[in-house]
Amino acid sequence: MTATEPGQHQPEQINLTVTVGLTPELDKLLRRIFGLPGRAVAASMFVKGDPSAMDVTFTVDTTDGTATLQFVDDKGDTDATAPDGLTAAYSSDNPAAATVTNDTTNPLQGDITVVGEGVANISVALTDANGNSPPLEADGVTPWPTIDPVQVTVDPGAAVGAQLSVTG
């Protein structure tokens, strides 16, 4: 740094951060222009990696399963990202057949544990960063649609041997 001559001003560096609130319409336009994923306006849940399956079958020999959320934007595209601060709470209506807990590394994923034969409906409730359940769309008014539960059927495992009974 050099000394300035009398009457000269040393330029100063100014860091300025501007936060602009985008209208949903402008946000949508900018995302299209720059090819960014849309803002999520809904979510769906699937189990075992099949987004189209509403009913899933496990056996008692299954060691694990996952419930995964898929986020959808206002155009129906499934590449939308989860909103910041979104939380998920998974539940099973029949813990004698299957239980589900939030994954420790991915809190938006549910880990399913097979317990015994039966049928369980796996559900998820979402809450946004502002405490709204269901979450609200970007307009702050419109709630997301309810996520349909996925029915999980737990069947007996495969036979591992035979037994002979003699009555007499």
N, C-alpha and C. Protein backbone atom coordinates (compact mmCIF):
# COMPACT_ATOMS: atom_id res chain seq x y z
N MET A 1 0.85 -1.16 0.00
CA MET A 1 0.00 0.00 0.00
C MET A 1 0.89 1.22 0.00
N THR A 2 0.58 2.18 -0.86
CA THR A 2 1.38 3.39 -0.96
C THR A 2 0.63 4.55 -0.34
N ALA A 3 1.39 5.50 0.12
CA ALA A 3 0.78 6.69 0.72
C ALA A 3 0.13 7.50 -0.39
N THR A 4 -0.95 8.17 -0.05
CA THR A 4 -1.64 8.99 -1.04
C THR A 4 -1.15 10.42 -0.95
N GLU A 5 -1.15 11.07 -2.09
CA GLU A 5 -0.77 12.48 -2.15
C GLU A 5 -1.87 13.30 -1.50
N PRO A 6 -1.54 14.45 -0.97
CA PRO A 6 -2.59 15.31 -0.41
C PRO A 6 -3.64 15.60 -1.48
N GLY A 7 -4.91 15.49 -1.11
CA GLY A 7 -6.01 15.73 -2.05
C GLY A 7 -6.47 14.49 -2.78
N GLN A 8 -5.72 13.37 -2.71
CA GLN A 8 -6.13 12.11 -3.33
C GLN A 8 -6.79 11.23 -2.28
N HIS A 9 -7.74 10.46 -2.73
CA HIS A 9 -8.44 9.55 -1.82
C HIS A 9 -8.04 8.12 -2.12
N GLN A 10 -7.84 7.38 -1.05
CA GLN A 10 -7.54 5.96 -1.17
C GLN A 10 -8.87 5.24 -1.43
N PRO A 11 -8.97 4.43 -2.48
CA PRO A 11 -10.23 3.70 -2.71
C PRO A 11 -10.47 2.72 -1.56
N GLU A 12 -11.71 2.61 -1.16
CA GLU A 12 -12.08 1.69 -0.11
C GLU A 12 -12.85 0.53 -0.71
N GLN A 13 -12.66 -0.63 -0.13
CA GLN A 13 -13.39 -1.79 -0.58
C GLN A 13 -14.66 -1.88 0.25
N ILE A 14 -15.76 -2.03 -0.43
CA ILE A 14 -17.04 -2.15 0.25
C ILE A 14 -17.66 -3.49 -0.15
N ASN A 15 -18.02 -4.27 0.84
CA ASN A 15 -18.74 -5.52 0.60
C ASN A 15 -20.20 -5.26 0.85
N LEU A 16 -21.02 -5.55 -0.11
CA LEU A 16 -22.44 -5.28 -0.01
C LEU A 16 -23.20 -6.55 -0.35
N THR A 17 -24.10 -6.93 0.52
CA THR A 17 -24.96 -8.07 0.26
C THR A 17 -26.37 -7.56 0.13
N VAL A 18 -27.01 -7.92 -0.96
CA VAL A 18 -28.39 -7.50 -1.20
C VAL A 18 -29.25 -8.75 -1.27
N THR A 19 -30.29 -8.78 -0.48
CA THR A 19 -31.23 -9.87 -0.53
C THR A 19 -32.51 -9.36 -1.16
N VAL A 20 -32.91 -10.01 -2.22
CA VAL A 20 -34.10 -9.58 -2.93
C VAL A 20 -35.15 -10.68 -2.81
N GLY A 21 -36.32 -10.32 -2.38
CA GLY A 21 -37.42 -11.28 -2.33
C GLY A 21 -38.05 -11.40 -3.71
N LEU A 22 -37.98 -12.59 -4.29
CA LEU A 22 -38.54 -12.79 -5.61
C LEU A 22 -40.00 -13.19 -5.51
N THR A 23 -40.78 -12.68 -6.41
CA THR A 23 -42.15 -13.16 -6.49
C THR A 23 -42.10 -14.59 -7.01
N PRO A 24 -43.10 -15.41 -6.72
CA PRO A 24 -43.08 -16.77 -7.25
C PRO A 24 -42.97 -16.80 -8.77
N GLU A 25 -43.59 -15.85 -9.45
CA GLU A 25 -43.53 -15.82 -10.91
C GLU A 25 -42.12 -15.54 -11.41
N LEU A 26 -41.42 -14.56 -10.79
CA LEU A 26 -40.06 -14.23 -11.20
C LEU A 26 -39.11 -15.38 -10.86
N ASP A 27 -39.29 -15.98 -9.70
CA ASP A 27 -38.48 -17.12 -9.32
C ASP A 27 -38.61 -18.24 -10.35
N LYS A 28 -39.84 -18.53 -10.77
CA LYS A 28 -40.12 -19.57 -11.75
C LYS A 28 -39.43 -19.25 -13.08
N LEU A 29 -39.53 -17.99 -13.52
CA LEU A 29 -38.92 -17.56 -14.78
C LEU A 29 -37.40 -17.71 -14.72
N LEU A 30 -36.78 -17.25 -13.64
CA LEU A 30 -35.32 -17.34 -13.53
C LEU A 30 -34.86 -18.80 -13.48
N ARG A 31 -35.62 -19.67 -12.82
CA ARG A 31 -35.25 -21.08 -12.77
C ARG A 31 -35.32 -21.71 -14.16
N ARG A 32 -36.32 -21.31 -14.96
CA ARG A 32 -36.41 -21.83 -16.34
C ARG A 32 -35.25 -21.33 -17.18
N ILE A 33 -34.95 -20.04 -17.09
CA ILE A 33 -33.88 -19.44 -17.89
C ILE A 33 -32.54 -20.12 -17.61
N PHE A 34 -32.25 -20.34 -16.34
CA PHE A 34 -30.95 -20.89 -15.97
C PHE A 34 -30.95 -22.41 -15.80
N GLY A 35 -32.08 -23.06 -16.12
CA GLY A 35 -32.15 -24.52 -16.07
C GLY A 35 -32.04 -25.09 -14.67
N LEU A 36 -32.49 -24.34 -13.69
CA LEU A 36 -32.43 -24.82 -12.31
C LEU A 36 -33.68 -25.60 -11.97
N PRO A 37 -33.58 -26.55 -11.03
CA PRO A 37 -34.78 -27.28 -10.64
C PRO A 37 -35.80 -26.33 -10.04
N GLY A 38 -37.06 -26.68 -10.21
CA GLY A 38 -38.12 -25.86 -9.67
C GLY A 38 -38.21 -25.97 -8.17
N ARG A 39 -38.93 -25.03 -7.59
CA ARG A 39 -39.17 -25.04 -6.16
C ARG A 39 -40.25 -26.08 -5.86
N ALA A 40 -40.02 -26.91 -4.88
CA ALA A 40 -40.96 -27.97 -4.56
C ALA A 40 -42.31 -27.40 -4.12
N VAL A 41 -43.38 -27.99 -4.63
CA VAL A 41 -44.74 -27.61 -4.23
C VAL A 41 -45.50 -28.83 -3.73
N ALA A 42 -44.87 -29.99 -3.78
CA ALA A 42 -45.50 -31.23 -3.32
C ALA A 42 -44.41 -32.29 -3.17
N ALA A 43 -44.79 -33.36 -2.49
CA ALA A 43 -43.86 -34.49 -2.34
C ALA A 43 -44.66 -35.77 -2.41
N SER A 44 -43.99 -36.83 -2.79
CA SER A 44 -44.59 -38.16 -2.75
C SER A 44 -43.59 -39.07 -2.07
N MET A 45 -44.06 -40.20 -1.58
CA MET A 45 -43.20 -41.14 -0.88
C MET A 45 -43.24 -42.47 -1.62
N PHE A 46 -42.08 -43.11 -1.70
CA PHE A 46 -42.06 -44.46 -2.25
C PHE A 46 -41.13 -45.33 -1.41
N VAL A 47 -41.39 -46.63 -1.48
CA VAL A 47 -40.65 -47.60 -0.69
C VAL A 47 -40.01 -48.59 -1.65
N LYS A 48 -38.79 -49.01 -1.33
CA LYS A 48 -38.04 -49.99 -2.13
C LYS A 48 -37.66 -49.45 -3.51
N GLY A 49 -37.55 -48.15 -3.67
CA GLY A 49 -37.05 -47.58 -4.90
C GLY A 49 -37.99 -47.56 -6.07
N ASP A 50 -39.28 -47.85 -5.88
CA ASP A 50 -40.23 -47.84 -6.99
C ASP A 50 -41.27 -46.74 -6.78
N PRO A 51 -41.09 -45.56 -7.44
CA PRO A 51 -42.01 -44.45 -7.23
C PRO A 51 -43.45 -44.73 -7.64
N SER A 52 -43.69 -45.78 -8.46
CA SER A 52 -45.06 -46.04 -8.91
C SER A 52 -45.80 -47.05 -8.03
N ALA A 53 -45.09 -47.73 -7.13
CA ALA A 53 -45.72 -48.77 -6.32
C ALA A 53 -46.39 -48.16 -5.10
N MET A 54 -47.68 -48.40 -4.97
CA MET A 54 -48.40 -47.94 -3.79
C MET A 54 -48.49 -49.04 -2.73
N ASP A 55 -48.24 -50.27 -3.12
CA ASP A 55 -48.22 -51.41 -2.20
C ASP A 55 -46.91 -52.14 -2.39
N VAL A 56 -46.24 -52.47 -1.31
CA VAL A 56 -44.93 -53.11 -1.36
C VAL A 56 -44.98 -54.35 -0.49
N THR A 57 -44.30 -55.42 -0.94
CA THR A 57 -44.26 -56.65 -0.16
C THR A 57 -42.83 -56.95 0.28
N PHE A 58 -42.68 -57.23 1.56
CA PHE A 58 -41.43 -57.70 2.14
C PHE A 58 -41.70 -59.11 2.66
N THR A 59 -40.63 -59.81 3.04
CA THR A 59 -40.81 -61.06 3.78
C THR A 59 -40.21 -60.83 5.16
N VAL A 60 -40.49 -61.74 6.09
CA VAL A 60 -39.92 -61.60 7.43
C VAL A 60 -38.40 -61.71 7.39
N ASP A 61 -37.86 -62.21 6.29
CA ASP A 61 -36.41 -62.32 6.14
C ASP A 61 -35.76 -61.01 5.66
N THR A 62 -36.57 -60.04 5.28
CA THR A 62 -36.04 -58.76 4.82
C THR A 62 -35.36 -58.06 5.99
N THR A 63 -34.17 -57.57 5.75
CA THR A 63 -33.44 -56.93 6.84
C THR A 63 -33.71 -55.43 6.92
N ASP A 64 -34.04 -54.82 5.82
CA ASP A 64 -34.31 -53.39 5.88
C ASP A 64 -35.04 -52.92 4.64
N GLY A 65 -35.56 -51.73 4.72
CA GLY A 65 -36.21 -51.07 3.60
C GLY A 65 -36.13 -49.57 3.83
N THR A 66 -36.38 -48.80 2.81
CA THR A 66 -36.35 -47.35 2.98
C THR A 66 -37.59 -46.72 2.38
N ALA A 67 -38.02 -45.66 3.03
CA ALA A 67 -39.08 -44.81 2.50
C ALA A 67 -38.39 -43.54 2.04
N THR A 68 -38.57 -43.19 0.78
CA THR A 68 -37.87 -42.06 0.19
C THR A 68 -38.87 -41.02 -0.29
N LEU A 69 -38.56 -39.76 -0.08
CA LEU A 69 -39.41 -38.67 -0.56
C LEU A 69 -38.93 -38.21 -1.92
N GLN A 70 -39.87 -37.90 -2.78
CA GLN A 70 -39.58 -37.35 -4.10
C GLN A 70 -40.32 -36.02 -4.17
N PHE A 71 -39.60 -34.95 -4.52
CA PHE A 71 -40.19 -33.62 -4.54
C PHE A 71 -40.57 -33.22 -5.95
N VAL A 72 -41.71 -32.56 -6.07
CA VAL A 72 -42.29 -32.21 -7.36
C VAL A 72 -42.46 -30.69 -7.43
N ASP A 73 -42.10 -30.11 -8.60
CA ASP A 73 -42.31 -28.67 -8.75
C ASP A 73 -43.66 -28.40 -9.39
N ASP A 74 -43.95 -27.12 -9.62
CA ASP A 74 -45.27 -26.73 -10.13
C ASP A 74 -45.53 -27.17 -11.56
N LYS A 75 -44.49 -27.67 -12.26
CA LYS A 75 -44.67 -28.20 -13.62
C LYS A 75 -44.81 -29.71 -13.62
N GLY A 76 -44.75 -30.32 -12.42
CA GLY A 76 -44.83 -31.77 -12.32
C GLY A 76 -43.49 -32.47 -12.47
N ASP A 77 -42.41 -31.70 -12.60
CA ASP A 77 -41.08 -32.29 -12.72
C ASP A 77 -40.65 -32.83 -11.35
N THR A 78 -40.00 -33.97 -11.35
CA THR A 78 -39.61 -34.61 -10.10
C THR A 78 -38.16 -34.32 -9.71
N ASP A 79 -37.58 -33.25 -10.26
CA ASP A 79 -36.21 -32.90 -9.90
C ASP A 79 -36.16 -31.73 -8.94
N ALA A 80 -37.29 -31.38 -8.34
CA ALA A 80 -37.32 -30.26 -7.40
C ALA A 80 -36.53 -30.62 -6.15
N THR A 81 -35.96 -29.60 -5.52
CA THR A 81 -35.21 -29.82 -4.30
C THR A 81 -36.09 -29.55 -3.09
N ALA A 82 -35.77 -30.20 -2.00
CA ALA A 82 -36.52 -30.00 -0.76
C ALA A 82 -36.27 -28.58 -0.25
N PRO A 83 -37.30 -27.92 0.23
CA PRO A 83 -37.09 -26.59 0.80
C PRO A 83 -36.19 -26.64 2.03
N ASP A 84 -35.43 -25.58 2.26
CA ASP A 84 -34.59 -25.50 3.45
C ASP A 84 -35.46 -25.60 4.70
N GLY A 85 -34.98 -26.31 5.69
CA GLY A 85 -35.68 -26.40 6.96
C GLY A 85 -36.82 -27.39 7.00
N LEU A 86 -37.05 -28.15 5.92
CA LEU A 86 -38.13 -29.13 5.89
C LEU A 86 -37.78 -30.31 6.79
N THR A 87 -38.73 -30.76 7.60
CA THR A 87 -38.52 -31.93 8.43
C THR A 87 -39.59 -32.97 8.12
N ALA A 88 -39.25 -34.23 8.34
CA ALA A 88 -40.17 -35.34 8.09
C ALA A 88 -40.32 -36.15 9.36
N ALA A 89 -41.54 -36.62 9.61
CA ALA A 89 -41.80 -37.53 10.74
C ALA A 89 -42.52 -38.75 10.17
N TYR A 90 -41.85 -39.88 10.16
CA TYR A 90 -42.41 -41.11 9.62
C TYR A 90 -43.15 -41.88 10.70
N SER A 91 -44.15 -42.67 10.29
CA SER A 91 -44.87 -43.50 11.25
C SER A 91 -45.42 -44.74 10.56
N SER A 92 -45.70 -45.75 11.38
CA SER A 92 -46.30 -47.00 10.92
C SER A 92 -47.56 -47.21 11.74
N ASP A 93 -48.65 -47.60 11.07
CA ASP A 93 -49.89 -47.85 11.82
C ASP A 93 -49.94 -49.25 12.42
N ASN A 94 -48.92 -50.09 12.15
CA ASN A 94 -48.89 -51.44 12.71
C ASN A 94 -47.44 -51.81 13.03
N PRO A 95 -46.93 -51.36 14.18
CA PRO A 95 -45.53 -51.66 14.51
C PRO A 95 -45.27 -53.14 14.76
N ALA A 96 -46.32 -53.99 14.83
CA ALA A 96 -46.11 -55.43 14.95
C ALA A 96 -45.65 -56.01 13.61
N ALA A 97 -45.94 -55.32 12.50
CA ALA A 97 -45.50 -55.77 11.18
C ALA A 97 -44.23 -55.04 10.74
N ALA A 98 -44.22 -53.71 10.87
CA ALA A 98 -43.06 -52.92 10.45
C ALA A 98 -43.01 -51.61 11.22
N THR A 99 -41.81 -51.19 11.55
CA THR A 99 -41.61 -49.89 12.17
C THR A 99 -40.82 -49.02 11.20
N VAL A 100 -40.87 -47.71 11.42
CA VAL A 100 -40.11 -46.79 10.57
C VAL A 100 -39.59 -45.64 11.42
N THR A 101 -38.32 -45.31 11.22
CA THR A 101 -37.69 -44.20 11.93
C THR A 101 -36.95 -43.33 10.93
N ASN A 102 -36.70 -42.09 11.30
CA ASN A 102 -35.93 -41.22 10.43
C ASN A 102 -34.49 -41.72 10.35
N ASP A 103 -33.95 -41.70 9.14
CA ASP A 103 -32.57 -42.10 8.91
C ASP A 103 -31.63 -41.12 9.63
N THR A 104 -30.55 -41.62 10.20
CA THR A 104 -29.65 -40.76 10.96
C THR A 104 -28.80 -39.86 10.08
N THR A 105 -28.55 -40.25 8.84
CA THR A 105 -27.73 -39.42 7.95
C THR A 105 -28.57 -38.61 6.97
N ASN A 106 -29.78 -39.06 6.67
CA ASN A 106 -30.68 -38.33 5.77
C ASN A 106 -32.03 -38.19 6.47
N PRO A 107 -32.27 -37.07 7.14
CA PRO A 107 -33.49 -36.94 7.93
C PRO A 107 -34.78 -36.92 7.11
N LEU A 108 -34.68 -36.82 5.78
CA LEU A 108 -35.88 -36.87 4.95
C LEU A 108 -36.16 -38.27 4.43
N GLN A 109 -35.38 -39.25 4.88
CA GLN A 109 -35.57 -40.65 4.49
C GLN A 109 -35.99 -41.44 5.72
N GLY A 110 -36.86 -42.43 5.54
CA GLY A 110 -37.28 -43.28 6.64
C GLY A 110 -36.67 -44.66 6.50
N ASP A 111 -36.20 -45.21 7.61
CA ASP A 111 -35.65 -46.56 7.63
C ASP A 111 -36.72 -47.50 8.16
N ILE A 112 -37.10 -48.49 7.35
CA ILE A 112 -38.16 -49.43 7.71
C ILE A 112 -37.52 -50.71 8.25
N THR A 113 -38.04 -51.16 9.39
CA THR A 113 -37.59 -52.41 9.98
C THR A 113 -38.77 -53.38 10.00
N VAL A 114 -38.56 -54.54 9.38
CA VAL A 114 -39.59 -55.59 9.37
C VAL A 114 -39.58 -56.25 10.74
N VAL A 115 -40.79 -56.38 11.33
CA VAL A 115 -40.91 -56.97 12.67
C VAL A 115 -41.56 -58.35 12.59
N GLY A 116 -42.66 -58.48 11.84
CA GLY A 116 -43.35 -59.75 11.75
C GLY A 116 -44.39 -59.70 10.65
N GLU A 117 -45.06 -60.83 10.43
CA GLU A 117 -46.06 -60.90 9.37
C GLU A 117 -47.20 -59.92 9.64
N GLY A 118 -47.73 -59.36 8.55
CA GLY A 118 -48.86 -58.44 8.68
C GLY A 118 -48.80 -57.34 7.65
N VAL A 119 -49.65 -56.35 7.82
CA VAL A 119 -49.74 -55.21 6.90
C VAL A 119 -49.58 -53.93 7.71
N ALA A 120 -48.76 -53.03 7.22
CA ALA A 120 -48.57 -51.73 7.87
C ALA A 120 -48.63 -50.64 6.82
N ASN A 121 -49.25 -49.53 7.16
CA ASN A 121 -49.25 -48.35 6.30
C ASN A 121 -48.17 -47.41 6.80
N ILE A 122 -47.21 -47.09 5.93
CA ILE A 122 -46.13 -46.19 6.28
C ILE A 122 -46.54 -44.79 5.83
N SER A 123 -46.51 -43.85 6.77
CA SER A 123 -46.93 -42.48 6.49
C SER A 123 -45.80 -41.52 6.83
N VAL A 124 -45.89 -40.32 6.28
CA VAL A 124 -44.93 -39.27 6.60
C VAL A 124 -45.67 -37.95 6.71
N ALA A 125 -45.32 -37.18 7.71
CA ALA A 125 -45.84 -35.83 7.88
C ALA A 125 -44.68 -34.86 7.72
N LEU A 126 -44.86 -33.86 6.87
CA LEU A 126 -43.81 -32.87 6.63
C LEU A 126 -44.14 -31.57 7.33
N THR A 127 -43.11 -30.90 7.82
CA THR A 127 -43.25 -29.59 8.46
C THR A 127 -42.20 -28.67 7.85
N ASP A 128 -42.63 -27.46 7.46
CA ASP A 128 -41.66 -26.53 6.87
C ASP A 128 -40.93 -25.74 7.97
N ALA A 129 -39.99 -24.91 7.57
CA ALA A 129 -39.15 -24.17 8.51
C ALA A 129 -39.96 -23.23 9.40
N ASN A 130 -41.16 -22.86 8.97
CA ASN A 130 -42.01 -21.96 9.76
C ASN A 130 -42.97 -22.72 10.66
N GLY A 131 -42.86 -24.05 10.70
CA GLY A 131 -43.73 -24.85 11.56
C GLY A 131 -45.05 -25.24 10.93
N ASN A 132 -45.23 -24.98 9.64
CA ASN A 132 -46.48 -25.34 8.96
C ASN A 132 -46.48 -26.80 8.56
N SER A 133 -47.52 -27.51 8.94
CA SER A 133 -47.68 -28.90 8.54
C SER A 133 -49.11 -29.10 8.07
N PRO A 134 -49.34 -29.32 6.79
CA PRO A 134 -48.33 -29.53 5.74
C PRO A 134 -47.63 -28.22 5.38
N PRO A 135 -46.46 -28.34 4.71
CA PRO A 135 -45.73 -27.15 4.28
C PRO A 135 -46.58 -26.29 3.34
N LEU A 136 -46.20 -25.02 3.24
CA LEU A 136 -46.89 -24.11 2.34
C LEU A 136 -46.04 -23.87 1.11
N GLU A 137 -46.72 -23.65 -0.03
CA GLU A 137 -46.02 -23.30 -1.26
C GLU A 137 -45.36 -21.93 -1.08
N ALA A 138 -44.61 -21.50 -2.08
CA ALA A 138 -43.87 -20.25 -2.02
C ALA A 138 -44.77 -19.04 -1.76
N ASP A 139 -46.06 -19.14 -2.11
CA ASP A 139 -46.96 -18.02 -1.88
C ASP A 139 -47.29 -17.83 -0.40
N GLY A 140 -46.89 -18.81 0.45
CA GLY A 140 -47.12 -18.70 1.88
C GLY A 140 -48.55 -18.98 2.31
N VAL A 141 -49.42 -19.40 1.37
CA VAL A 141 -50.83 -19.61 1.67
C VAL A 141 -51.28 -21.03 1.30
N THR A 142 -50.88 -21.48 0.12
CA THR A 142 -51.36 -22.76 -0.41
C THR A 142 -50.63 -23.93 0.23
N PRO A 143 -51.37 -24.83 0.93
CA PRO A 143 -50.70 -25.99 1.53
C PRO A 143 -50.36 -27.05 0.49
N TRP A 144 -49.29 -27.78 0.75
CA TRP A 144 -48.93 -28.91 -0.10
C TRP A 144 -50.00 -29.98 0.03
N PRO A 145 -50.21 -30.77 -1.02
CA PRO A 145 -51.15 -31.89 -0.91
C PRO A 145 -50.63 -32.92 0.10
N THR A 146 -51.55 -33.65 0.71
CA THR A 146 -51.19 -34.70 1.65
C THR A 146 -50.48 -35.83 0.91
N ILE A 147 -49.47 -36.39 1.53
CA ILE A 147 -48.72 -37.50 0.94
C ILE A 147 -49.44 -38.80 1.27
N ASP A 148 -49.75 -39.58 0.24
CA ASP A 148 -50.44 -40.85 0.45
C ASP A 148 -49.52 -41.84 1.16
N PRO A 149 -50.08 -42.59 2.12
CA PRO A 149 -49.27 -43.63 2.76
C PRO A 149 -48.99 -44.77 1.78
N VAL A 150 -47.95 -45.53 2.07
CA VAL A 150 -47.61 -46.71 1.28
C VAL A 150 -47.88 -47.93 2.14
N GLN A 151 -48.66 -48.87 1.57
CA GLN A 151 -48.98 -50.09 2.29
C GLN A 151 -47.84 -51.09 2.13
N VAL A 152 -47.35 -51.59 3.25
CA VAL A 152 -46.28 -52.58 3.27
C VAL A 152 -46.85 -53.88 3.82
N THR A 153 -46.75 -54.95 3.03
CA THR A 153 -47.20 -56.27 3.46
C THR A 153 -45.96 -57.10 3.78
N VAL A 154 -45.96 -57.72 4.94
CA VAL A 154 -44.85 -58.58 5.34
C VAL A 154 -45.36 -60.02 5.30
N ASP A 155 -44.80 -60.79 4.38
CA ASP A 155 -45.18 -62.20 4.19
C ASP A 155 -44.21 -63.11 4.93
N PRO A 156 -44.59 -64.41 5.12
CA PRO A 156 -43.65 -65.35 5.72
C PRO A 156 -42.41 -65.49 4.84
N GLY A 157 -41.32 -65.85 5.45
CA GLY A 157 -40.09 -66.06 4.69
C GLY A 157 -40.11 -67.37 3.94
N ALA A 158 -39.07 -67.56 3.16
CA ALA A 158 -38.95 -68.80 2.37
C ALA A 158 -38.68 -69.97 3.30
N ALA A 159 -39.16 -71.13 2.90
CA ALA A 159 -38.92 -72.35 3.68
C ALA A 159 -37.43 -72.65 3.70
N VAL A 160 -36.93 -73.07 4.85
CA VAL A 160 -35.51 -73.39 4.97
C VAL A 160 -35.29 -74.88 5.24
N GLY A 161 -36.35 -75.62 5.33
CA GLY A 161 -36.21 -77.04 5.58
C GLY A 161 -37.59 -77.71 5.60
N ALA A 162 -37.57 -78.99 5.80
CA ALA A 162 -38.83 -79.74 5.86
C ALA A 162 -38.88 -80.50 7.17
N GLN A 163 -40.09 -80.81 7.58
CA GLN A 163 -40.27 -81.57 8.80
C GLN A 163 -41.25 -82.68 8.53
N LEU A 164 -40.96 -83.87 9.00
CA LEU A 164 -41.82 -85.04 8.81
C LEU A 164 -42.51 -85.34 10.13
N SER A 165 -43.82 -85.43 10.07
CA SER A 165 -44.59 -85.79 11.26
C SER A 165 -45.25 -87.13 11.01
N VAL A 166 -45.15 -88.05 11.96
CA VAL A 166 -45.78 -89.36 11.84
C VAL A 166 -46.79 -89.48 12.96
N THR A 167 -48.01 -89.80 12.57
CA THR A 167 -49.03 -90.00 13.59
C THR A 167 -49.42 -91.46 13.56
N GLY A 168 -49.78 -91.95 14.63
CA GLY A 168 -50.05 -93.34 14.56
C GLY A 168 -50.95 -93.89 15.50
